[in-house]
Amino acid sequence: MPDQQLTARGAATRQRIIDVATREFAEHGIAGARIERVVAAARTNKAQLYAYFGNKEGLFDAIFFSSLERIVNVVPIDAADLADWAVRLYDEYLRRPDLIRLATWARLERRPTGHLVADTDRLDASKLRAITEAQAAGLVRDGDPFDLMAMVIAMSMAWSPVSNVYAATIDEPAEVHERRRDLLRDSVRRVVAPG
């Protein structure tokens, strides 16, 4: 049904399914998520869900890939200022911790090693190109662009829901977040500085 034009009612139903399933998968993972809970909370039925997404895995994939695209679109890379990019990623993880949880479940249940998604070029190519160009301009240290990108992303996730030390929330005092942003910004600048 993704190739067919949806009515306004169909689009609303599909969006309710996505909204409810995002919370369900973020909380319970792929194996623990229950389609029965999703259709009940979305006020629809299994037949409709399967018509839109094929199966449970297809529903997770649609949500997961949408979350990856959201990060790319909402927090576009600025390779000339990777420190600011890291801070903007930190802020997005505060706003949408479910996005990190979905990626974590994908890593745990789907791809325990290697790239998180099979088609890495679809999401990483522009970021890697930007880092390569910043390196050529002398703005970013030498090194494998992928490894530099991975390091900056990992640093931005230091206080995210996948932290093994402390998971921050948006409800913490603003000055706490500012202190973390300053530390993150300074640390990334030092890591990626040329020379």
C-alpha atoms as a PDB file:
ATOM      1  CA  MET A   1       0.000   0.000   0.000  1.00  0.00           C
ATOM      2  CA  PRO A   2       2.935   2.438   0.318  1.00  0.00           C
ATOM      3  CA  ASP A   3       2.797   2.965  -3.474  1.00  0.00           C
ATOM      4  CA  GLN A   4      -0.923   3.807  -3.394  1.00  0.00           C
ATOM      5  CA  GLN A   5      -2.264   7.250  -2.569  1.00  0.00           C
ATOM      6  CA  LEU A   6      -3.871   7.241   0.881  1.00  0.00           C
ATOM      7  CA  THR A   7      -7.092   8.992   1.740  1.00  0.00           C
ATOM      8  CA  ALA A   8      -6.920  11.547   4.558  1.00  0.00           C
ATOM      9  CA  ARG A   9      -8.445   8.970   6.883  1.00  0.00           C
ATOM     10  CA  GLY A  10      -5.976   6.284   5.745  1.00  0.00           C
ATOM     11  CA  ALA A  11      -3.038   8.653   6.208  1.00  0.00           C
ATOM     12  CA  ALA A  12      -4.264   9.519   9.709  1.00  0.00           C
ATOM     13  CA  THR A  13      -4.586   5.829  10.597  1.00  0.00           C
ATOM     14  CA  ARG A  14      -1.119   5.073   9.223  1.00  0.00           C
ATOM     15  CA  GLN A  15       0.347   7.961  11.240  1.00  0.00           C
ATOM     16  CA  ARG A  16      -1.388   6.780  14.437  1.00  0.00           C
ATOM     17  CA  ILE A  17       0.130   3.333  13.893  1.00  0.00           C
ATOM     18  CA  ILE A  18       3.586   4.852  13.420  1.00  0.00           C
ATOM     19  CA  ASP A  19       3.263   7.065  16.509  1.00  0.00           C
ATOM     20  CA  VAL A  20       2.078   4.242  18.760  1.00  0.00           C
ATOM     21  CA  ALA A  21       4.516   1.685  17.319  1.00  0.00           C
ATOM     22  CA  THR A  22       7.443   4.078  17.767  1.00  0.00           C
ATOM     23  CA  ARG A  23       6.738   4.200  21.501  1.00  0.00           C
ATOM     24  CA  GLU A  24       6.107   0.436  21.627  1.00  0.00           C
ATOM     25  CA  PHE A  25       9.353  -0.490  19.852  1.00  0.00           C
ATOM     26  CA  ALA A  26      11.399   2.101  21.768  1.00  0.00           C
ATOM     27  CA  GLU A  27      10.166   0.686  25.060  1.00  0.00           C
ATOM     28  CA  HIS A  28      10.090  -3.035  24.325  1.00  0.00           C
ATOM     29  CA  GLY A  29      12.359  -3.679  21.334  1.00  0.00           C
ATOM     30  CA  ILE A  30      11.455  -5.728  18.310  1.00  0.00           C
ATOM     31  CA  ALA A  31      10.937  -9.038  20.101  1.00  0.00           C
ATOM     32  CA  GLY A  32       9.068  -7.501  23.024  1.00  0.00           C
ATOM     33  CA  ALA A  33       6.776  -5.220  21.044  1.00  0.00           C
ATOM     34  CA  ARG A  34       3.212  -6.467  20.693  1.00  0.00           C
ATOM     35  CA  ILE A  35       1.136  -5.767  17.614  1.00  0.00           C
ATOM     36  CA  GLU A  36      -2.005  -6.229  19.718  1.00  0.00           C
ATOM     37  CA  ARG A  37      -1.007  -3.245  21.901  1.00  0.00           C
ATOM     38  CA  VAL A  38      -0.162  -1.170  18.842  1.00  0.00           C
ATOM     39  CA  VAL A  39      -3.468  -1.726  17.043  1.00  0.00           C
ATOM     40  CA  ALA A  40      -5.484  -1.206  20.240  1.00  0.00           C
ATOM     41  CA  ALA A  41      -3.762   2.096  21.057  1.00  0.00           C
ATOM     42  CA  ALA A  42      -3.863   3.214  17.396  1.00  0.00           C
ATOM     43  CA  ARG A  43      -7.589   2.389  17.172  1.00  0.00           C
ATOM     44  CA  THR A  44      -7.195   0.150  14.146  1.00  0.00           C
ATOM     45  CA  ASN A  45      -6.805  -3.560  13.402  1.00  0.00           C
ATOM     46  CA  LYS A  46      -4.084  -6.006  12.433  1.00  0.00           C
ATOM     47  CA  ALA A  47      -5.302  -6.260   8.849  1.00  0.00           C
ATOM     48  CA  GLN A  48      -4.873  -2.525   8.363  1.00  0.00           C
ATOM     49  CA  LEU A  49      -1.427  -2.515   9.986  1.00  0.00           C
ATOM     50  CA  TYR A  50      -0.274  -5.427   7.829  1.00  0.00           C
ATOM     51  CA  ALA A  51      -1.702  -3.774   4.702  1.00  0.00           C
ATOM     52  CA  TYR A  52       0.467  -0.723   5.377  1.00  0.00           C
ATOM     53  CA  PHE A  53       3.654  -2.402   6.636  1.00  0.00           C
ATOM     54  CA  GLY A  54       3.577  -6.096   5.688  1.00  0.00           C
ATOM     55  CA  ASN A  55       4.553  -7.452   9.101  1.00  0.00           C
ATOM     56  CA  LYS A  56       6.027  -6.487  12.459  1.00  0.00           C
ATOM     57  CA  GLU A  57       9.549  -6.288  11.054  1.00  0.00           C
ATOM     58  CA  GLY A  58       8.361  -4.106   8.181  1.00  0.00           C
ATOM     59  CA  LEU A  59       6.726  -1.769  10.691  1.00  0.00           C
ATOM     60  CA  PHE A  60       9.938  -1.556  12.733  1.00  0.00           C
ATOM     61  CA  ASP A  61      11.997  -0.924   9.599  1.00  0.00           C
ATOM     62  CA  ALA A  62       9.683   1.879   8.467  1.00  0.00           C
ATOM     63  CA  ILE A  63       9.930   3.544  11.867  1.00  0.00           C
ATOM     64  CA  PHE A  64      13.661   2.959  12.271  1.00  0.00           C
ATOM     65  CA  PHE A  65      14.642   4.274   8.829  1.00  0.00           C
ATOM     66  CA  SER A  66      12.377   7.256   9.340  1.00  0.00           C
ATOM     67  CA  SER A  67      14.164   7.989  12.628  1.00  0.00           C
ATOM     68  CA  LEU A  68      17.563   7.824  10.917  1.00  0.00           C
ATOM     69  CA  GLU A  69      16.387  10.181   8.198  1.00  0.00           C
ATOM     70  CA  ARG A  70      14.971  12.507  10.840  1.00  0.00           C
ATOM     71  CA  ILE A  71      18.380  12.841  12.507  1.00  0.00           C
ATOM     72  CA  VAL A  72      20.032  13.599   9.151  1.00  0.00           C
ATOM     73  CA  ASN A  73      17.402  16.208   8.282  1.00  0.00           C
ATOM     74  CA  VAL A  74      16.896  17.801  11.700  1.00  0.00           C
ATOM     75  CA  VAL A  75      20.589  17.824  12.620  1.00  0.00           C
ATOM     76  CA  PRO A  76      22.500  18.184   9.346  1.00  0.00           C
ATOM     77  CA  ILE A  77      26.257  17.859   9.610  1.00  0.00           C
ATOM     78  CA  ASP A  78      28.490  20.906   9.580  1.00  0.00           C
ATOM     79  CA  ALA A  79      31.938  19.408   9.058  1.00  0.00           C
ATOM     80  CA  ALA A  80      33.508  22.845   9.446  1.00  0.00           C
ATOM     81  CA  ASP A  81      32.135  22.832  13.007  1.00  0.00           C
ATOM     82  CA  LEU A  82      31.820  19.228  14.175  1.00  0.00           C
ATOM     83  CA  ALA A  83      31.694  20.439  17.782  1.00  0.00           C
ATOM     84  CA  ASP A  84      28.461  22.318  17.112  1.00  0.00           C
ATOM     85  CA  TRP A  85      27.090  19.297  15.254  1.00  0.00           C
ATOM     86  CA  ALA A  86      27.793  17.131  18.326  1.00  0.00           C
ATOM     87  CA  VAL A  87      25.951  19.614  20.567  1.00  0.00           C
ATOM     88  CA  ARG A  88      22.970  19.707  18.210  1.00  0.00           C
ATOM     89  CA  LEU A  89      22.907  15.885  18.256  1.00  0.00           C
ATOM     90  CA  TYR A  90      22.977  15.972  22.080  1.00  0.00           C
ATOM     91  CA  ASP A  91      19.975  18.297  22.037  1.00  0.00           C
ATOM     92  CA  GLU A  92      18.076  16.094  19.595  1.00  0.00           C
ATOM     93  CA  TYR A  93      18.681  13.039  21.808  1.00  0.00           C
ATOM     94  CA  LEU A  94      17.204  15.006  24.713  1.00  0.00           C
ATOM     95  CA  ARG A  95      14.125  15.914  22.652  1.00  0.00           C
ATOM     96  CA  ARG A  96      13.683  12.448  21.155  1.00  0.00           C
ATOM     97  CA  PRO A  97      15.253   9.714  23.319  1.00  0.00           C
ATOM     98  CA  ASP A  98      13.083   7.194  21.476  1.00  0.00           C
ATOM     99  CA  LEU A  99      15.289   7.637  18.389  1.00  0.00           C
ATOM    100  CA  ILE A 100      18.348   6.406  20.285  1.00  0.00           C
ATOM    101  CA  ARG A 101      16.410   3.575  21.857  1.00  0.00           C
ATOM    102  CA  LEU A 102      15.241   2.397  18.409  1.00  0.00           C
ATOM    103  CA  ALA A 103      18.831   2.368  17.155  1.00  0.00           C
ATOM    104  CA  THR A 104      19.876   0.438  20.248  1.00  0.00           C
ATOM    105  CA  TRP A 105      17.212  -2.197  19.704  1.00  0.00           C
ATOM    106  CA  ALA A 106      18.240  -2.485  16.039  1.00  0.00           C
ATOM    107  CA  ARG A 107      21.833  -3.037  17.168  1.00  0.00           C
ATOM    108  CA  LEU A 108      20.861  -5.583  19.816  1.00  0.00           C
ATOM    109  CA  GLU A 109      18.304  -7.522  17.805  1.00  0.00           C
ATOM    110  CA  ARG A 110      19.265  -7.071  14.174  1.00  0.00           C
ATOM    111  CA  ARG A 111      22.910  -6.106  13.553  1.00  0.00           C
ATOM    112  CA  PRO A 112      25.179  -6.761  16.519  1.00  0.00           C
ATOM    113  CA  THR A 113      28.293  -5.951  14.468  1.00  0.00           C
ATOM    114  CA  GLY A 114      29.262  -3.857  11.480  1.00  0.00           C
ATOM    115  CA  HIS A 115      27.165  -1.010  10.096  1.00  0.00           C
ATOM    116  CA  LEU A 116      23.825  -0.400  11.762  1.00  0.00           C
ATOM    117  CA  VAL A 117      22.026  -0.392   8.410  1.00  0.00           C
ATOM    118  CA  ALA A 118      22.814  -2.338   5.267  1.00  0.00           C
ATOM    119  CA  ASP A 119      22.730   0.638   2.926  1.00  0.00           C
ATOM    120  CA  THR A 120      25.231   2.869   4.726  1.00  0.00           C
ATOM    121  CA  ASP A 121      25.817   5.126   1.724  1.00  0.00           C
ATOM    122  CA  ARG A 122      22.212   6.269   1.803  1.00  0.00           C
ATOM    123  CA  LEU A 123      22.771   8.071   5.100  1.00  0.00           C
ATOM    124  CA  ASP A 124      26.529   8.432   5.518  1.00  0.00           C
ATOM    125  CA  ALA A 125      27.755   9.473   2.083  1.00  0.00           C
ATOM    126  CA  SER A 126      27.053  13.192   2.453  1.00  0.00           C
ATOM    127  CA  LYS A 127      28.464  13.271   5.991  1.00  0.00           C
ATOM    128  CA  LEU A 128      31.649  11.497   4.960  1.00  0.00           C
ATOM    129  CA  ARG A 129      32.037  13.751   1.935  1.00  0.00           C
ATOM    130  CA  ALA A 130      31.649  16.829   4.164  1.00  0.00           C
ATOM    131  CA  ILE A 131      34.301  15.562   6.590  1.00  0.00           C
ATOM    132  CA  THR A 132      36.659  14.734   3.709  1.00  0.00           C
ATOM    133  CA  GLU A 133      36.227  18.247   2.315  1.00  0.00           C
ATOM    134  CA  ALA A 134      36.847  19.775   5.763  1.00  0.00           C
ATOM    135  CA  GLN A 135      40.011  17.688   6.039  1.00  0.00           C
ATOM    136  CA  ALA A 136      41.183  18.878   2.613  1.00  0.00           C
ATOM    137  CA  ALA A 137      40.556  22.483   3.718  1.00  0.00           C
ATOM    138  CA  GLY A 138      42.672  21.917   6.830  1.00  0.00           C
ATOM    139  CA  LEU A 139      39.716  22.302   9.232  1.00  0.00           C
ATOM    140  CA  VAL A 140      39.644  18.720  10.529  1.00  0.00           C
ATOM    141  CA  ARG A 141      42.478  16.374  11.464  1.00  0.00           C
ATOM    142  CA  ASP A 142      43.621  13.590   9.196  1.00  0.00           C
ATOM    143  CA  GLY A 143      42.099  10.179   9.691  1.00  0.00           C
ATOM    144  CA  ASP A 144      39.411   7.973   8.309  1.00  0.00           C
ATOM    145  CA  PRO A 145      36.299  10.179   7.864  1.00  0.00           C
ATOM    146  CA  PHE A 146      34.033   7.359   9.020  1.00  0.00           C
ATOM    147  CA  ASP A 147      36.031   6.900  12.225  1.00  0.00           C
ATOM    148  CA  LEU A 148      35.961  10.640  12.911  1.00  0.00           C
ATOM    149  CA  MET A 149      32.192  10.727  12.330  1.00  0.00           C
ATOM    150  CA  ALA A 150      31.702   7.713  14.614  1.00  0.00           C
ATOM    151  CA  MET A 151      33.815   9.346  17.336  1.00  0.00           C
ATOM    152  CA  VAL A 152      31.859  12.612  17.235  1.00  0.00           C
ATOM    153  CA  ILE A 153      28.525  10.768  17.296  1.00  0.00           C
ATOM    154  CA  ALA A 154      29.693   8.622  20.225  1.00  0.00           C
ATOM    155  CA  MET A 155      30.766  11.718  22.136  1.00  0.00           C
ATOM    156  CA  SER A 156      27.372  13.332  21.488  1.00  0.00           C
ATOM    157  CA  MET A 157      25.713  10.257  23.002  1.00  0.00           C
ATOM    158  CA  ALA A 158      27.686  10.381  26.277  1.00  0.00           C
ATOM    159  CA  TRP A 159      24.529  11.279  28.264  1.00  0.00           C
ATOM    160  CA  SER A 160      21.966   9.636  25.972  1.00  0.00           C
ATOM    161  CA  PRO A 161      19.665   6.708  26.822  1.00  0.00           C
ATOM    162  CA  VAL A 162      22.454   4.317  25.738  1.00  0.00           C
ATOM    163  CA  SER A 163      25.007   5.711  28.174  1.00  0.00           C
ATOM    164  CA  ASN A 164      26.380   3.115  30.550  1.00  0.00           C
ATOM    165  CA  VAL A 165      27.106   5.914  33.033  1.00  0.00           C
ATOM    166  CA  TYR A 166      24.198   8.389  33.091  1.00  0.00           C
ATOM    167  CA  ALA A 167      21.142   9.025  30.906  1.00  0.00           C
ATOM    168  CA  ALA A 168      20.094  12.678  30.813  1.00  0.00           C
ATOM    169  CA  THR A 169      16.558  13.951  30.392  1.00  0.00           C
ATOM    170  CA  ILE A 170      15.188  17.182  29.023  1.00  0.00           C
ATOM    171  CA  ASP A 171      13.708  17.869  32.478  1.00  0.00           C
ATOM    172  CA  GLU A 172      17.092  18.506  34.102  1.00  0.00           C
ATOM    173  CA  PRO A 173      18.046  22.118  34.905  1.00  0.00           C
ATOM    174  CA  ALA A 174      19.120  24.235  31.932  1.00  0.00           C
ATOM    175  CA  GLU A 175      22.472  24.993  33.544  1.00  0.00           C
ATOM    176  CA  VAL A 176      23.286  21.272  33.705  1.00  0.00           C
ATOM    177  CA  HIS A 177      22.674  20.950  29.974  1.00  0.00           C
ATOM    178  CA  GLU A 178      24.726  24.078  29.263  1.00  0.00           C
ATOM    179  CA  ARG A 179      27.632  22.673  31.265  1.00  0.00           C
ATOM    180  CA  ARG A 180      27.465  19.420  29.281  1.00  0.00           C
ATOM    181  CA  ARG A 181      27.195  21.285  25.970  1.00  0.00           C
ATOM    182  CA  ASP A 182      30.285  23.343  26.824  1.00  0.00           C
ATOM    183  CA  LEU A 183      32.255  20.226  27.774  1.00  0.00           C
ATOM    184  CA  LEU A 184      31.101  18.370  24.662  1.00  0.00           C
ATOM    185  CA  ARG A 185      31.862  21.304  22.357  1.00  0.00           C
ATOM    186  CA  ASP A 186      35.359  21.767  23.808  1.00  0.00           C
ATOM    187  CA  SER A 187      36.123  18.026  23.787  1.00  0.00           C
ATOM    188  CA  VAL A 188      35.062  17.531  20.164  1.00  0.00           C
ATOM    189  CA  ARG A 189      37.038  20.567  19.062  1.00  0.00           C
ATOM    190  CA  ARG A 190      40.152  19.103  20.662  1.00  0.00           C
ATOM    191  CA  VAL A 191      39.583  15.656  19.150  1.00  0.00           C
ATOM    192  CA  VAL A 192      39.032  16.841  15.571  1.00  0.00           C
ATOM    193  CA  ALA A 193      41.475  19.769  15.530  1.00  0.00           C
ATOM    194  CA  PRO A 194      44.078  19.519  12.770  1.00  0.00           C
ATOM    195  CA  GLY A 195      47.697  18.876  13.696  1.00  0.00           C
END
